């Protein structure tokens, strides 16, 4: 999927955003300096990527399942700290560290 600016007929947006607030938000978004705010493409090292894939597979499944439970009320928000602890147990801090290292490598290019 593409998340950048694209050429389209002006009338499309007029129909898609019927409220004044939506139209104003569209103007503000179009005037922003996207390059200043977009995240750079970063690359993990091969050994980081293999470990990261295992970590994130567990985390993604767990977050998907627990998000649904928190939203539908079958899991109390009183258990949110246990949810965060489980993410740590799965290795979320390691995965974050891989991304931080990749970002540091990006900045030194």
Protein backbone atom coordinates (compact mmCIF):
# COMPACT_ATOMS: atom_id res chain seq x y z
CA UNK A 1 0.00 0.00 0.00
CA UNK A 2 1.12 3.57 -0.65
CA UNK A 3 0.75 6.21 2.03
CA UNK A 4 2.13 9.25 0.25
CA UNK A 5 0.71 12.12 -1.71
CA UNK A 6 -0.99 11.24 -4.97
CA UNK A 7 -2.72 13.07 -7.78
CA UNK A 8 -6.49 12.85 -7.72
CA UNK A 9 -9.49 14.80 -8.84
CA UNK A 10 -10.27 17.61 -6.38
CA UNK A 11 -13.97 16.72 -6.42
CA UNK A 12 -13.18 13.31 -4.89
CA UNK A 13 -11.95 14.83 -1.64
CA UNK A 14 -14.88 17.25 -1.54
CA UNK A 15 -17.25 14.27 -1.49
CA UNK A 16 -15.10 12.14 0.79
CA UNK A 17 -14.68 14.86 3.46
CA UNK A 18 -18.12 16.42 3.94
CA UNK A 19 -17.42 18.41 7.13
CA UNK A 20 -15.55 21.70 7.37
CA UNK A 21 -13.18 20.24 9.98
CA UNK A 22 -12.19 17.40 7.64
CA UNK A 23 -11.56 19.80 4.78
CA UNK A 24 -9.43 22.06 7.01
CA UNK A 25 -7.46 19.07 8.31
CA UNK A 26 -6.74 18.06 4.72
CA UNK A 27 -5.36 21.53 3.97
CA UNK A 28 -3.14 21.49 7.06
CA UNK A 29 -1.83 18.03 6.19
CA UNK A 30 -1.03 19.13 2.64
CA UNK A 31 0.94 22.15 3.90
CA UNK A 32 3.13 20.18 6.33
CA UNK A 33 6.78 19.33 5.75
CA UNK A 34 6.34 15.59 5.42
CA UNK A 35 10.05 14.94 4.90
CA UNK A 36 10.74 16.42 8.35
CA UNK A 37 8.32 14.00 10.05
CA UNK A 38 8.48 10.74 8.07
CA UNK A 39 10.40 7.87 9.61
CA UNK A 40 13.45 6.79 7.62
CA UNK A 41 13.78 3.32 6.13
CA UNK A 42 15.99 1.39 8.54
CA UNK A 43 17.50 -2.05 8.13
CA UNK A 44 18.27 -4.65 10.74
CA UNK A 45 21.41 -6.74 10.49
CA UNK A 46 20.85 -10.37 9.42
CA UNK A 47 21.37 -11.75 12.92
CA UNK A 48 19.13 -9.05 14.42
CA UNK A 49 16.44 -9.70 11.82
CA UNK A 50 16.23 -13.43 12.56
CA UNK A 51 15.83 -12.88 16.30
CA UNK A 52 13.50 -9.94 15.73
CA UNK A 53 11.23 -12.05 13.52
CA UNK A 54 10.79 -14.61 16.29
CA UNK A 55 10.20 -11.96 18.93
CA UNK A 56 7.71 -9.99 16.84
CA UNK A 57 5.74 -13.05 15.74
CA UNK A 58 4.92 -13.79 19.39
CA UNK A 59 4.28 -10.15 20.20
CA UNK A 60 2.01 -9.53 17.20
CA UNK A 61 -0.17 -12.53 18.00
CA UNK A 62 -0.35 -11.62 21.69
CA UNK A 63 -1.11 -7.93 21.04
CA UNK A 64 -3.82 -8.80 18.51
CA UNK A 65 -5.48 -11.21 20.93
CA UNK A 66 -5.21 -8.96 23.98
CA UNK A 67 -6.29 -5.82 22.12
CA UNK A 68 -9.51 -7.53 21.14
CA UNK A 69 -10.04 -8.70 24.72
CA UNK A 70 -9.38 -5.24 26.19
CA UNK A 71 -11.76 -3.64 23.68
CA UNK A 72 -14.59 -6.15 24.07
CA UNK A 73 -14.29 -6.19 27.85
CA UNK A 74 -13.36 -9.83 28.31
CA UNK A 75 -10.03 -8.65 29.75
CA UNK A 76 -9.98 -6.00 32.46
CA UNK A 77 -7.68 -3.00 32.11
CA UNK A 78 -6.58 -3.85 35.63
CA UNK A 79 -4.44 -6.50 33.89
CA UNK A 80 -2.68 -3.98 31.65
CA UNK A 81 0.54 -4.11 33.69
CA UNK A 82 0.58 -7.91 33.29
CA UNK A 83 0.11 -7.37 29.55
CA UNK A 84 3.14 -5.05 29.47
CA UNK A 85 5.17 -7.53 31.51
CA UNK A 86 4.35 -10.28 29.02
CA UNK A 87 5.57 -8.06 26.18
CA UNK A 88 8.85 -7.64 28.06
CA UNK A 89 9.03 -11.39 28.63
CA UNK A 90 8.58 -11.92 24.89
CA UNK A 91 11.55 -9.61 24.26
CA UNK A 92 9.99 -6.32 23.19
CA UNK A 93 12.91 -4.37 24.66
CA UNK A 94 15.34 -6.40 22.53
CA UNK A 95 13.27 -5.68 19.41
CA UNK A 96 13.20 -1.98 20.27
CA UNK A 97 16.97 -2.10 20.76
CA UNK A 98 17.42 -3.59 17.27
CA UNK A 99 15.44 -0.72 15.80
CA UNK A 100 17.37 1.84 17.82
CA UNK A 101 20.66 0.36 16.58
CA UNK A 102 19.40 0.39 13.00
CA UNK A 103 18.38 4.02 13.40
CA UNK A 104 21.80 4.92 14.80
CA UNK A 105 23.42 3.22 11.79
CA UNK A 106 21.08 5.19 9.51
CA UNK A 107 22.12 8.50 11.11
CA UNK A 108 25.82 7.78 10.52
CA UNK A 109 25.39 7.19 6.76
